[in-house]
């Protein structure tokens, strides 16, 4: 049994970390790295963009991107905007991608220009590698998000039939990563290797706990 901060969602915990250690390295991917301040500001810009696009609380936003700093920025921005992210592996067959998009009710699809991620006519596709967010604000988004609002929808393998959506709330994710971080005894001297597809539920523990 572990105590955790019931009043803070994951993106708010990251915003607290930004205040504590703005210049500490938050993310490393190949030859790129971001501090907590840089990660937060870039996610804020994308979150403000999503809000401008009309994305509302619990609207589904698909994320079909390669492993990169942009992948983490996209997930964090969706959290901040109050929408719900739906991970879609770029390696999935087109039929599976389309089923997940249709079944979950994805309204916007964040992807990259070099990916052949499905482009259904009813879905607006946004290539995040081509977005110019220079003029969007870097301050934190003021989204009214409640504990039982969904942070993400993730799909099972479908090995026994059609893939099934599993809904994870902000409170569930926040509780899990806070408690597992204490259980692991993680400190600022630790690094976490993130290697799983974001379409695998365990990846989200590995991303947010550090």
N, C-alpha and C. Protein backbone atom coordinates (compact mmCIF):
# COMPACT_ATOMS: atom_id res chain seq x y z
N UNK A 1 0.84 -1.19 0.00
CA UNK A 1 0.00 0.00 0.00
C UNK A 1 0.88 1.24 0.00
N UNK A 2 0.70 2.11 -0.99
CA UNK A 2 1.52 3.31 -1.11
C UNK A 2 0.63 4.54 -1.24
N UNK A 3 1.07 5.62 -0.64
CA UNK A 3 0.37 6.89 -0.78
C UNK A 3 0.78 7.56 -2.09
N UNK A 4 -0.16 8.25 -2.71
CA UNK A 4 0.19 9.00 -3.92
C UNK A 4 -0.65 10.27 -3.96
N UNK A 5 -0.19 11.22 -4.77
CA UNK A 5 -0.87 12.51 -4.91
C UNK A 5 -2.10 12.33 -5.79
N UNK A 6 -3.27 12.28 -5.17
CA UNK A 6 -4.51 12.03 -5.90
C UNK A 6 -4.96 13.26 -6.71
N UNK A 7 -4.37 14.40 -6.43
CA UNK A 7 -4.83 15.62 -7.09
C UNK A 7 -4.06 16.00 -8.33
N UNK A 8 -3.04 15.21 -8.69
CA UNK A 8 -2.19 15.58 -9.83
C UNK A 8 -2.23 14.53 -10.93
N UNK A 9 -2.45 15.00 -12.15
CA UNK A 9 -2.37 14.13 -13.31
C UNK A 9 -0.91 14.07 -13.77
N UNK A 10 -0.61 13.16 -14.69
CA UNK A 10 0.78 12.95 -15.11
C UNK A 10 1.38 14.22 -15.70
N UNK A 11 0.65 14.90 -16.57
CA UNK A 11 1.21 16.11 -17.17
C UNK A 11 1.46 17.19 -16.12
N UNK A 12 0.66 17.21 -15.06
CA UNK A 12 0.88 18.18 -13.98
C UNK A 12 2.11 17.81 -13.15
N UNK A 13 2.34 16.52 -12.98
CA UNK A 13 3.56 16.08 -12.28
C UNK A 13 4.80 16.49 -13.08
N UNK A 14 4.71 16.40 -14.40
CA UNK A 14 5.82 16.83 -15.24
C UNK A 14 6.01 18.34 -15.14
N UNK A 15 4.91 19.08 -15.09
CA UNK A 15 5.01 20.53 -14.94
C UNK A 15 5.65 20.91 -13.61
N UNK A 16 5.37 20.11 -12.55
CA UNK A 16 6.04 20.32 -11.27
C UNK A 16 7.54 20.05 -11.39
N UNK A 17 7.89 19.01 -12.15
CA UNK A 17 9.30 18.68 -12.36
C UNK A 17 10.02 19.80 -13.11
N UNK A 18 9.30 20.41 -14.05
CA UNK A 18 9.88 21.54 -14.80
C UNK A 18 10.27 22.67 -13.85
N UNK A 19 9.40 22.94 -12.88
CA UNK A 19 9.70 24.00 -11.91
C UNK A 19 10.91 23.64 -11.05
N UNK A 20 11.05 22.34 -10.72
CA UNK A 20 12.12 21.90 -9.84
C UNK A 20 13.47 21.82 -10.57
N UNK A 21 13.45 21.23 -11.77
CA UNK A 21 14.71 21.01 -12.50
C UNK A 21 14.53 21.35 -13.97
N UNK A 22 14.34 22.61 -14.31
CA UNK A 22 14.04 22.97 -15.71
C UNK A 22 15.14 22.59 -16.69
N UNK A 23 16.39 22.60 -16.23
CA UNK A 23 17.52 22.38 -17.14
C UNK A 23 18.06 20.95 -17.11
N UNK A 24 17.44 20.08 -16.31
CA UNK A 24 17.84 18.68 -16.30
C UNK A 24 17.38 17.99 -17.59
N UNK A 25 18.12 17.00 -18.03
CA UNK A 25 17.77 16.29 -19.26
C UNK A 25 16.59 15.36 -18.99
N UNK A 26 15.54 15.56 -19.78
CA UNK A 26 14.32 14.76 -19.62
C UNK A 26 14.27 13.61 -20.61
N UNK A 27 14.85 13.81 -21.77
CA UNK A 27 14.63 12.88 -22.87
C UNK A 27 15.84 12.86 -23.80
N UNK A 28 16.29 11.66 -24.15
CA UNK A 28 17.40 11.49 -25.09
C UNK A 28 16.95 10.50 -26.16
N UNK A 29 17.13 10.86 -27.42
CA UNK A 29 16.81 9.95 -28.52
C UNK A 29 17.86 10.14 -29.61
N UNK A 30 18.72 9.13 -29.78
CA UNK A 30 19.83 9.20 -30.73
C UNK A 30 20.67 10.44 -30.42
N UNK A 31 20.77 11.37 -31.35
CA UNK A 31 21.63 12.54 -31.12
C UNK A 31 20.85 13.76 -30.65
N UNK A 32 19.59 13.56 -30.25
CA UNK A 32 18.78 14.67 -29.76
C UNK A 32 18.50 14.50 -28.27
N UNK A 33 18.44 15.62 -27.58
CA UNK A 33 18.04 15.58 -26.17
C UNK A 33 17.28 16.85 -25.83
N UNK A 34 16.36 16.72 -24.88
CA UNK A 34 15.54 17.85 -24.44
C UNK A 34 15.61 17.96 -22.93
N UNK A 35 15.67 19.18 -22.44
CA UNK A 35 15.52 19.41 -21.01
C UNK A 35 14.04 19.35 -20.66
N UNK A 36 13.74 19.32 -19.36
CA UNK A 36 12.33 19.32 -18.95
C UNK A 36 11.63 20.59 -19.44
N UNK A 37 12.34 21.72 -19.38
CA UNK A 37 11.75 22.98 -19.83
C UNK A 37 11.44 22.94 -21.33
N UNK A 38 12.38 22.42 -22.11
CA UNK A 38 12.19 22.35 -23.55
C UNK A 38 11.06 21.38 -23.91
N UNK A 39 11.04 20.23 -23.26
CA UNK A 39 9.99 19.25 -23.50
C UNK A 39 8.62 19.85 -23.19
N UNK A 40 8.52 20.52 -22.06
CA UNK A 40 7.24 21.11 -21.64
C UNK A 40 6.78 22.19 -22.60
N UNK A 41 7.69 23.04 -23.02
CA UNK A 41 7.32 24.14 -23.91
C UNK A 41 6.88 23.63 -25.28
N UNK A 42 7.58 22.63 -25.79
CA UNK A 42 7.20 22.09 -27.10
C UNK A 42 5.86 21.37 -27.03
N UNK A 43 5.63 20.67 -25.94
CA UNK A 43 4.34 20.00 -25.75
C UNK A 43 3.22 21.03 -25.60
N UNK A 44 3.50 22.12 -24.90
CA UNK A 44 2.49 23.18 -24.73
C UNK A 44 2.10 23.78 -26.07
N UNK A 45 3.08 24.03 -26.93
CA UNK A 45 2.78 24.60 -28.24
C UNK A 45 1.86 23.68 -29.04
N UNK A 46 2.16 22.39 -29.01
CA UNK A 46 1.32 21.44 -29.75
C UNK A 46 -0.06 21.33 -29.10
N UNK A 47 -0.12 21.39 -27.78
CA UNK A 47 -1.41 21.32 -27.08
C UNK A 47 -2.28 22.52 -27.44
N UNK A 48 -1.69 23.71 -27.48
CA UNK A 48 -2.45 24.90 -27.87
C UNK A 48 -2.94 24.77 -29.32
N UNK A 49 -2.11 24.17 -30.17
CA UNK A 49 -2.50 23.94 -31.56
C UNK A 49 -3.71 23.01 -31.62
N UNK A 50 -3.68 21.93 -30.83
CA UNK A 50 -4.80 20.98 -30.82
C UNK A 50 -6.08 21.65 -30.35
N UNK A 51 -5.96 22.49 -29.33
CA UNK A 51 -7.15 23.20 -28.85
C UNK A 51 -7.69 24.14 -29.93
N UNK A 52 -6.79 24.78 -30.66
CA UNK A 52 -7.20 25.66 -31.74
C UNK A 52 -7.92 24.88 -32.85
N UNK A 53 -7.52 23.61 -33.04
CA UNK A 53 -8.16 22.76 -34.03
C UNK A 53 -9.55 22.31 -33.58
N UNK A 54 -9.92 22.67 -32.36
CA UNK A 54 -11.25 22.33 -31.86
C UNK A 54 -11.29 21.04 -31.07
N UNK A 55 -10.13 20.50 -30.72
CA UNK A 55 -10.09 19.27 -29.94
C UNK A 55 -10.63 19.54 -28.54
N UNK A 56 -11.59 18.73 -28.11
CA UNK A 56 -12.26 18.92 -26.83
C UNK A 56 -11.97 17.76 -25.88
N UNK A 57 -12.44 17.89 -24.66
CA UNK A 57 -12.20 16.90 -23.62
C UNK A 57 -12.60 15.50 -24.09
N UNK A 58 -11.66 14.58 -23.99
CA UNK A 58 -11.82 13.16 -24.33
C UNK A 58 -12.02 12.89 -25.82
N UNK A 59 -11.87 13.90 -26.68
CA UNK A 59 -11.81 13.61 -28.11
C UNK A 59 -10.62 12.69 -28.36
N UNK A 60 -10.78 11.72 -29.26
CA UNK A 60 -9.70 10.78 -29.55
C UNK A 60 -8.73 11.35 -30.57
N UNK A 61 -7.44 11.30 -30.23
CA UNK A 61 -6.39 11.76 -31.14
C UNK A 61 -5.44 10.59 -31.38
N UNK A 62 -5.37 10.14 -32.63
CA UNK A 62 -4.48 9.03 -32.97
C UNK A 62 -3.03 9.49 -33.03
N UNK A 63 -2.11 8.61 -32.61
CA UNK A 63 -0.68 8.91 -32.67
C UNK A 63 0.00 7.76 -33.42
N UNK A 64 0.40 8.04 -34.65
CA UNK A 64 1.06 7.05 -35.50
C UNK A 64 2.38 7.65 -35.97
N UNK A 65 3.42 7.51 -35.16
CA UNK A 65 4.71 8.15 -35.43
C UNK A 65 5.84 7.17 -35.13
N UNK A 66 7.01 7.46 -35.73
CA UNK A 66 8.21 6.69 -35.43
C UNK A 66 8.72 7.07 -34.04
N UNK A 67 9.57 6.21 -33.49
CA UNK A 67 10.21 6.52 -32.20
C UNK A 67 11.09 7.76 -32.36
N UNK A 68 10.79 8.78 -31.57
CA UNK A 68 11.50 10.05 -31.69
C UNK A 68 11.11 10.93 -30.51
N UNK A 69 11.78 12.09 -30.39
CA UNK A 69 11.36 13.04 -29.36
C UNK A 69 9.94 13.53 -29.66
N UNK A 70 9.60 13.61 -30.95
CA UNK A 70 8.25 14.07 -31.33
C UNK A 70 7.18 13.11 -30.83
N UNK A 71 7.50 11.83 -30.71
CA UNK A 71 6.53 10.87 -30.20
C UNK A 71 6.13 11.21 -28.77
N UNK A 72 7.11 11.50 -27.92
CA UNK A 72 6.83 11.83 -26.53
C UNK A 72 6.14 13.19 -26.43
N UNK A 73 6.59 14.14 -27.23
CA UNK A 73 5.95 15.47 -27.25
C UNK A 73 4.48 15.34 -27.61
N UNK A 74 4.18 14.50 -28.61
CA UNK A 74 2.79 14.33 -29.04
C UNK A 74 1.93 13.75 -27.92
N UNK A 75 2.41 12.71 -27.25
CA UNK A 75 1.64 12.10 -26.17
C UNK A 75 1.39 13.10 -25.05
N UNK A 76 2.44 13.84 -24.67
CA UNK A 76 2.31 14.81 -23.58
C UNK A 76 1.37 15.95 -23.97
N UNK A 77 1.46 16.40 -25.21
CA UNK A 77 0.59 17.49 -25.68
C UNK A 77 -0.88 17.08 -25.65
N UNK A 78 -1.15 15.84 -26.04
CA UNK A 78 -2.53 15.36 -26.03
C UNK A 78 -3.06 15.33 -24.60
N UNK A 79 -2.23 14.85 -23.66
CA UNK A 79 -2.61 14.87 -22.24
C UNK A 79 -2.98 16.28 -21.81
N UNK A 80 -2.10 17.23 -22.13
CA UNK A 80 -2.28 18.61 -21.69
C UNK A 80 -3.55 19.23 -22.28
N UNK A 81 -3.88 18.84 -23.50
CA UNK A 81 -5.04 19.43 -24.17
C UNK A 81 -6.36 18.90 -23.63
N UNK A 82 -6.29 17.81 -22.85
CA UNK A 82 -7.50 17.21 -22.31
C UNK A 82 -8.11 16.16 -23.21
N UNK A 83 -7.50 15.93 -24.37
CA UNK A 83 -7.98 14.89 -25.27
C UNK A 83 -7.38 13.54 -24.87
N UNK A 84 -7.75 12.50 -25.58
CA UNK A 84 -7.37 11.13 -25.25
C UNK A 84 -6.52 10.57 -26.38
N UNK A 85 -5.31 10.09 -26.06
CA UNK A 85 -4.48 9.57 -27.16
C UNK A 85 -4.74 8.10 -27.42
N UNK A 86 -4.64 7.77 -28.72
CA UNK A 86 -4.84 6.39 -29.19
C UNK A 86 -3.58 5.99 -29.95
N UNK A 87 -2.69 5.18 -29.35
CA UNK A 87 -1.46 4.78 -30.03
C UNK A 87 -1.74 3.82 -31.18
N UNK A 88 -1.11 4.09 -32.33
CA UNK A 88 -1.26 3.24 -33.51
C UNK A 88 0.14 2.96 -34.06
N UNK A 89 0.57 1.72 -34.00
CA UNK A 89 1.90 1.37 -34.46
C UNK A 89 1.99 1.55 -35.98
N UNK A 90 3.00 2.31 -36.47
CA UNK A 90 3.14 2.49 -37.93
C UNK A 90 3.34 1.18 -38.67
N UNK A 91 3.81 0.14 -37.96
CA UNK A 91 4.05 -1.16 -38.61
C UNK A 91 2.79 -2.00 -38.73
N UNK A 92 1.70 -1.57 -38.12
CA UNK A 92 0.45 -2.33 -38.21
C UNK A 92 -0.05 -2.39 -39.65
N UNK A 93 -0.69 -3.49 -40.05
CA UNK A 93 -1.34 -3.53 -41.36
C UNK A 93 -2.41 -2.44 -41.46
N UNK A 94 -2.65 -1.99 -42.68
CA UNK A 94 -3.61 -0.91 -42.92
C UNK A 94 -4.98 -1.25 -42.34
N UNK A 95 -5.41 -2.50 -42.48
CA UNK A 95 -6.72 -2.91 -42.00
C UNK A 95 -6.83 -2.73 -40.48
N UNK A 96 -5.76 -3.08 -39.76
CA UNK A 96 -5.78 -2.94 -38.30
C UNK A 96 -5.78 -1.46 -37.90
N UNK A 97 -4.97 -0.66 -38.60
CA UNK A 97 -4.96 0.78 -38.33
C UNK A 97 -6.34 1.37 -38.50
N UNK A 98 -6.99 1.03 -39.60
CA UNK A 98 -8.31 1.58 -39.90
C UNK A 98 -9.35 1.12 -38.88
N UNK A 99 -9.24 -0.13 -38.43
CA UNK A 99 -10.19 -0.62 -37.43
C UNK A 99 -10.05 0.16 -36.13
N UNK A 100 -8.81 0.37 -35.68
CA UNK A 100 -8.57 1.10 -34.43
C UNK A 100 -9.09 2.53 -34.54
N UNK A 101 -8.80 3.18 -35.65
CA UNK A 101 -9.24 4.55 -35.86
C UNK A 101 -10.76 4.64 -35.85
N UNK A 102 -11.41 3.71 -36.55
CA UNK A 102 -12.87 3.72 -36.64
C UNK A 102 -13.51 3.35 -35.31
N UNK A 103 -13.02 2.30 -34.67
CA UNK A 103 -13.64 1.81 -33.44
C UNK A 103 -13.48 2.81 -32.29
N UNK A 104 -12.35 3.48 -32.23
CA UNK A 104 -12.08 4.42 -31.13
C UNK A 104 -12.70 5.79 -31.36
N UNK A 105 -13.05 6.09 -32.61
CA UNK A 105 -13.63 7.39 -32.92
C UNK A 105 -12.59 8.49 -33.03
N UNK A 106 -11.41 8.16 -33.55
CA UNK A 106 -10.34 9.15 -33.71
C UNK A 106 -10.82 10.29 -34.60
N UNK A 107 -10.56 11.54 -34.15
CA UNK A 107 -10.94 12.72 -34.92
C UNK A 107 -9.75 13.36 -35.62
N UNK A 108 -8.59 13.31 -34.96
CA UNK A 108 -7.36 13.84 -35.53
C UNK A 108 -6.30 12.75 -35.49
N UNK A 109 -5.45 12.70 -36.51
CA UNK A 109 -4.37 11.71 -36.55
C UNK A 109 -3.04 12.45 -36.64
N UNK A 110 -2.23 12.34 -35.57
CA UNK A 110 -0.88 12.90 -35.60
C UNK A 110 0.06 11.85 -36.15
N UNK A 111 0.73 12.17 -37.26
CA UNK A 111 1.64 11.22 -37.89
C UNK A 111 2.81 11.99 -38.51
N UNK A 112 3.52 11.35 -39.43
CA UNK A 112 4.69 11.98 -40.06
C UNK A 112 4.58 11.84 -41.56
N UNK A 113 5.19 12.78 -42.27
CA UNK A 113 5.02 12.84 -43.72
C UNK A 113 5.57 11.63 -44.46
N UNK A 114 6.57 10.93 -43.86
CA UNK A 114 7.16 9.79 -44.55
C UNK A 114 6.48 8.47 -44.21
N UNK A 115 5.41 8.52 -43.42
CA UNK A 115 4.71 7.30 -43.03
C UNK A 115 3.47 7.10 -43.89
N UNK A 116 3.22 5.85 -44.22
CA UNK A 116 2.04 5.52 -45.01
C UNK A 116 0.88 5.16 -44.08
N UNK A 117 0.84 5.81 -42.92
CA UNK A 117 -0.24 5.55 -41.98
C UNK A 117 -1.56 5.88 -42.66
N UNK A 118 -2.53 5.05 -42.43
CA UNK A 118 -3.79 5.16 -43.16
C UNK A 118 -4.36 6.58 -43.14
N UNK A 119 -4.95 6.97 -44.24
CA UNK A 119 -5.56 8.30 -44.34
C UNK A 119 -7.03 8.15 -44.71
N UNK A 120 -7.86 7.93 -43.72
CA UNK A 120 -9.30 7.80 -43.97
C UNK A 120 -9.87 9.20 -44.23
N UNK A 121 -10.82 9.28 -45.13
CA UNK A 121 -11.35 10.57 -45.55
C UNK A 121 -11.97 11.35 -44.40
N UNK A 122 -12.53 10.64 -43.43
CA UNK A 122 -13.22 11.31 -42.33
C UNK A 122 -12.27 11.83 -41.24
N UNK A 123 -10.99 11.51 -41.36
CA UNK A 123 -10.01 11.86 -40.33
C UNK A 123 -9.05 12.92 -40.86
N UNK A 124 -8.82 13.94 -40.06
CA UNK A 124 -7.83 14.95 -40.45
C UNK A 124 -6.45 14.46 -40.05
N UNK A 125 -5.57 14.36 -41.03
CA UNK A 125 -4.21 13.90 -40.81
C UNK A 125 -3.30 15.11 -40.64
N UNK A 126 -2.49 15.10 -39.58
CA UNK A 126 -1.56 16.20 -39.30
C UNK A 126 -0.15 15.63 -39.22
N UNK A 127 0.72 16.05 -40.13
CA UNK A 127 2.11 15.62 -40.13
C UNK A 127 2.90 16.51 -39.18
N UNK A 128 3.22 15.98 -38.00
CA UNK A 128 3.83 16.83 -36.99
C UNK A 128 5.24 17.26 -37.35
N UNK A 129 5.90 16.51 -38.25
CA UNK A 129 7.25 16.90 -38.66
C UNK A 129 7.23 18.10 -39.60
N UNK A 130 6.04 18.48 -40.08
CA UNK A 130 5.92 19.63 -40.98
C UNK A 130 5.24 20.82 -40.31
N UNK A 131 4.85 20.66 -39.06
CA UNK A 131 4.15 21.74 -38.36
C UNK A 131 5.12 22.85 -37.94
N UNK A 132 4.72 24.09 -38.16
CA UNK A 132 5.47 25.23 -37.64
C UNK A 132 4.68 25.79 -36.46
N UNK A 133 5.14 25.50 -35.26
CA UNK A 133 4.44 25.92 -34.05
C UNK A 133 5.14 27.09 -33.36
N UNK A 134 5.99 27.77 -34.09
CA UNK A 134 6.83 28.83 -33.53
C UNK A 134 6.01 29.87 -32.78
N UNK A 135 4.85 30.22 -33.31
CA UNK A 135 4.09 31.34 -32.75
C UNK A 135 3.01 30.91 -31.76
N UNK A 136 2.99 29.64 -31.42
CA UNK A 136 2.04 29.18 -30.40
C UNK A 136 2.65 29.36 -29.01
N UNK A 137 1.83 29.65 -28.01
CA UNK A 137 2.35 29.95 -26.67
C UNK A 137 3.03 28.74 -26.01
N UNK A 138 3.99 29.04 -25.15
CA UNK A 138 4.74 27.99 -24.45
C UNK A 138 4.24 27.78 -23.02
N UNK A 139 3.26 28.59 -22.59
CA UNK A 139 2.78 28.42 -21.21
C UNK A 139 1.84 27.22 -21.12
N UNK A 140 1.69 26.68 -19.91
CA UNK A 140 0.88 25.49 -19.69
C UNK A 140 -0.58 25.73 -20.07
N UNK A 141 -1.18 24.71 -20.65
CA UNK A 141 -2.57 24.80 -21.08
C UNK A 141 -3.49 24.63 -19.87
N UNK A 142 -4.50 25.48 -19.79
CA UNK A 142 -5.45 25.41 -18.68
C UNK A 142 -6.64 24.55 -19.10
N UNK A 143 -6.48 23.24 -18.95
CA UNK A 143 -7.55 22.31 -19.32
C UNK A 143 -8.24 21.79 -18.06
N UNK A 144 -9.54 21.81 -18.05
CA UNK A 144 -10.29 21.28 -16.90
C UNK A 144 -10.47 19.77 -17.09
N UNK A 145 -9.56 19.02 -16.49
CA UNK A 145 -9.55 17.57 -16.64
C UNK A 145 -9.86 16.94 -15.29
N UNK A 146 -10.78 16.00 -15.29
CA UNK A 146 -11.15 15.31 -14.05
C UNK A 146 -10.47 13.95 -13.99
N UNK A 147 -10.38 13.40 -12.79
CA UNK A 147 -9.63 12.17 -12.57
C UNK A 147 -10.13 11.00 -13.40
N UNK A 148 -11.46 10.97 -13.65
CA UNK A 148 -12.00 9.83 -14.39
C UNK A 148 -12.05 10.06 -15.89
N UNK A 149 -11.56 11.21 -16.36
CA UNK A 149 -11.45 11.42 -17.80
C UNK A 149 -10.36 10.50 -18.37
N UNK A 150 -10.53 10.09 -19.61
CA UNK A 150 -9.60 9.14 -20.21
C UNK A 150 -8.34 9.84 -20.69
N UNK A 151 -7.20 9.25 -20.34
CA UNK A 151 -5.92 9.75 -20.83
C UNK A 151 -5.51 9.02 -22.11
N UNK A 152 -5.79 7.71 -22.18
CA UNK A 152 -5.54 7.00 -23.44
C UNK A 152 -6.42 5.77 -23.59
N UNK A 153 -6.57 5.36 -24.85
CA UNK A 153 -7.23 4.10 -25.22
C UNK A 153 -6.18 3.25 -25.90
N UNK A 154 -6.05 2.00 -25.47
CA UNK A 154 -5.04 1.13 -26.07
C UNK A 154 -5.71 -0.18 -26.44
N UNK A 155 -5.28 -0.78 -27.53
CA UNK A 155 -5.96 -1.95 -28.07
C UNK A 155 -5.20 -3.24 -27.81
N UNK A 156 -5.97 -4.29 -27.49
CA UNK A 156 -5.39 -5.61 -27.30
C UNK A 156 -4.92 -6.16 -28.64
N UNK A 157 -4.22 -7.29 -28.60
CA UNK A 157 -3.64 -7.86 -29.82
C UNK A 157 -4.69 -8.36 -30.79
N UNK A 158 -5.86 -8.72 -30.28
CA UNK A 158 -6.89 -9.25 -31.16
C UNK A 158 -6.65 -10.70 -31.55
N UNK A 159 -5.83 -11.40 -30.76
CA UNK A 159 -5.48 -12.78 -31.10
C UNK A 159 -6.67 -13.73 -31.02
N UNK A 160 -7.70 -13.33 -30.28
CA UNK A 160 -8.90 -14.17 -30.16
C UNK A 160 -10.09 -13.56 -30.89
N UNK A 161 -9.82 -12.65 -31.78
CA UNK A 161 -10.90 -11.97 -32.51
C UNK A 161 -10.48 -10.54 -32.82
N UNK A 162 -11.42 -9.63 -32.85
CA UNK A 162 -11.10 -8.23 -33.11
C UNK A 162 -10.40 -7.63 -31.89
N UNK A 163 -9.44 -6.72 -32.12
CA UNK A 163 -8.80 -6.03 -30.99
C UNK A 163 -9.83 -5.30 -30.15
N UNK A 164 -9.60 -5.24 -28.85
CA UNK A 164 -10.54 -4.59 -27.93
C UNK A 164 -9.86 -3.41 -27.26
N UNK A 165 -10.61 -2.32 -27.11
CA UNK A 165 -10.05 -1.12 -26.50
C UNK A 165 -10.05 -1.24 -24.98
N UNK A 166 -8.95 -0.83 -24.37
CA UNK A 166 -8.85 -0.74 -22.92
C UNK A 166 -8.72 0.75 -22.58
N UNK A 167 -9.63 1.23 -21.74
CA UNK A 167 -9.66 2.66 -21.41
C UNK A 167 -8.92 2.92 -20.10
N UNK A 168 -7.98 3.86 -20.12
CA UNK A 168 -7.19 4.20 -18.93
C UNK A 168 -7.45 5.67 -18.58
N UNK A 169 -7.81 5.90 -17.32
CA UNK A 169 -8.13 7.26 -16.88
C UNK A 169 -6.88 7.98 -16.38
N UNK A 170 -6.99 9.29 -16.24
CA UNK A 170 -5.89 10.10 -15.71
C UNK A 170 -5.49 9.63 -14.31
N UNK A 171 -6.48 9.37 -13.47
CA UNK A 171 -6.18 8.95 -12.10
C UNK A 171 -5.49 7.60 -12.07
N UNK A 172 -5.94 6.67 -12.89
CA UNK A 172 -5.32 5.34 -12.93
C UNK A 172 -3.85 5.42 -13.33
N UNK A 173 -3.56 6.19 -14.39
CA UNK A 173 -2.18 6.30 -14.86
C UNK A 173 -1.32 7.02 -13.83
N UNK A 174 -1.84 8.10 -13.26
CA UNK A 174 -1.07 8.86 -12.28
C UNK A 174 -0.76 8.02 -11.04
N UNK A 175 -1.78 7.30 -10.55
CA UNK A 175 -1.57 6.44 -9.39
C UNK A 175 -0.51 5.38 -9.68
N UNK A 176 -0.60 4.77 -10.86
CA UNK A 176 0.33 3.69 -11.19
C UNK A 176 1.77 4.18 -11.28
N UNK A 177 1.99 5.28 -12.01
CA UNK A 177 3.38 5.69 -12.19
C UNK A 177 3.99 6.25 -10.89
N UNK A 178 3.17 6.89 -10.06
CA UNK A 178 3.71 7.37 -8.79
C UNK A 178 4.11 6.20 -7.89
N UNK A 179 3.23 5.21 -7.81
CA UNK A 179 3.50 4.07 -6.93
C UNK A 179 4.64 3.20 -7.46
N UNK A 180 4.69 2.99 -8.76
CA UNK A 180 5.73 2.13 -9.31
C UNK A 180 7.08 2.84 -9.23
N UNK A 181 7.08 4.18 -9.33
CA UNK A 181 8.33 4.93 -9.18
C UNK A 181 8.90 4.77 -7.78
N UNK A 182 8.02 4.79 -6.78
CA UNK A 182 8.47 4.58 -5.40
C UNK A 182 8.94 3.14 -5.20
N UNK A 183 8.21 2.20 -5.79
CA UNK A 183 8.57 0.78 -5.65
C UNK A 183 9.94 0.50 -6.27
N UNK A 184 10.22 1.13 -7.42
CA UNK A 184 11.52 0.95 -8.07
C UNK A 184 12.62 1.75 -7.40
N UNK A 185 12.23 2.75 -6.59
CA UNK A 185 13.23 3.59 -5.94
C UNK A 185 14.00 4.46 -6.93
N UNK A 186 13.31 4.97 -7.92
CA UNK A 186 13.98 5.75 -8.97
C UNK A 186 14.46 7.10 -8.43
N UNK A 187 15.66 7.51 -8.87
CA UNK A 187 16.23 8.81 -8.50
C UNK A 187 16.65 9.54 -9.76
N UNK A 188 17.15 10.76 -9.58
CA UNK A 188 17.60 11.56 -10.73
C UNK A 188 18.85 10.97 -11.39
N UNK A 189 19.47 9.99 -10.74
CA UNK A 189 20.67 9.36 -11.32
C UNK A 189 20.32 8.20 -12.25
N UNK A 190 19.04 7.84 -12.31
CA UNK A 190 18.62 6.69 -13.12
C UNK A 190 18.19 7.12 -14.51
N UNK A 191 18.43 6.23 -15.48
CA UNK A 191 17.91 6.39 -16.84
C UNK A 191 17.01 5.21 -17.15
N UNK A 192 15.99 5.45 -17.94
CA UNK A 192 15.04 4.40 -18.32
C UNK A 192 15.13 4.17 -19.81
N UNK A 193 15.39 2.92 -20.21
CA UNK A 193 15.43 2.58 -21.63
C UNK A 193 14.02 2.25 -22.09
N UNK A 194 13.51 3.02 -23.05
CA UNK A 194 12.16 2.82 -23.56
C UNK A 194 12.27 2.15 -24.92
N UNK A 195 11.87 0.89 -24.99
CA UNK A 195 12.08 0.16 -26.25
C UNK A 195 10.81 -0.46 -26.82
N UNK A 196 9.73 -0.52 -26.04
CA UNK A 196 8.50 -1.16 -26.52
C UNK A 196 7.71 -0.21 -27.42
N UNK A 197 6.91 -0.79 -28.29
CA UNK A 197 5.98 0.00 -29.09
C UNK A 197 4.98 0.70 -28.17
N UNK A 198 4.59 1.93 -28.51
CA UNK A 198 3.60 2.62 -27.67
C UNK A 198 2.22 2.00 -27.81
N UNK A 199 2.08 1.03 -28.70
CA UNK A 199 0.84 0.28 -28.79
C UNK A 199 0.79 -0.85 -27.77
N UNK A 200 1.86 -1.00 -26.99
CA UNK A 200 1.93 -1.96 -25.90
C UNK A 200 1.77 -1.20 -24.59
N UNK A 201 0.84 -1.63 -23.75
CA UNK A 201 0.50 -0.88 -22.54
C UNK A 201 1.71 -0.63 -21.64
N UNK A 202 2.60 -1.62 -21.53
CA UNK A 202 3.75 -1.46 -20.64
C UNK A 202 4.65 -0.30 -21.01
N UNK A 203 4.62 0.12 -22.28
CA UNK A 203 5.47 1.25 -22.71
C UNK A 203 5.13 2.52 -21.96
N UNK A 204 3.86 2.70 -21.58
CA UNK A 204 3.43 3.95 -20.97
C UNK A 204 3.90 4.05 -19.52
N UNK A 205 4.05 2.90 -18.86
CA UNK A 205 4.73 2.90 -17.56
C UNK A 205 6.18 3.31 -17.71
N UNK A 206 6.82 2.78 -18.74
CA UNK A 206 8.25 3.04 -18.97
C UNK A 206 8.50 4.49 -19.41
N UNK A 207 7.53 5.09 -20.05
CA UNK A 207 7.70 6.50 -20.49
C UNK A 207 7.51 7.46 -19.34
N UNK A 208 6.41 7.30 -18.60
CA UNK A 208 6.02 8.34 -17.65
C UNK A 208 6.59 8.19 -16.25
N UNK A 209 6.94 6.99 -15.85
CA UNK A 209 7.47 6.82 -14.49
C UNK A 209 8.74 7.63 -14.24
N UNK A 210 9.70 7.64 -15.16
CA UNK A 210 10.92 8.45 -14.91
C UNK A 210 10.64 9.93 -14.71
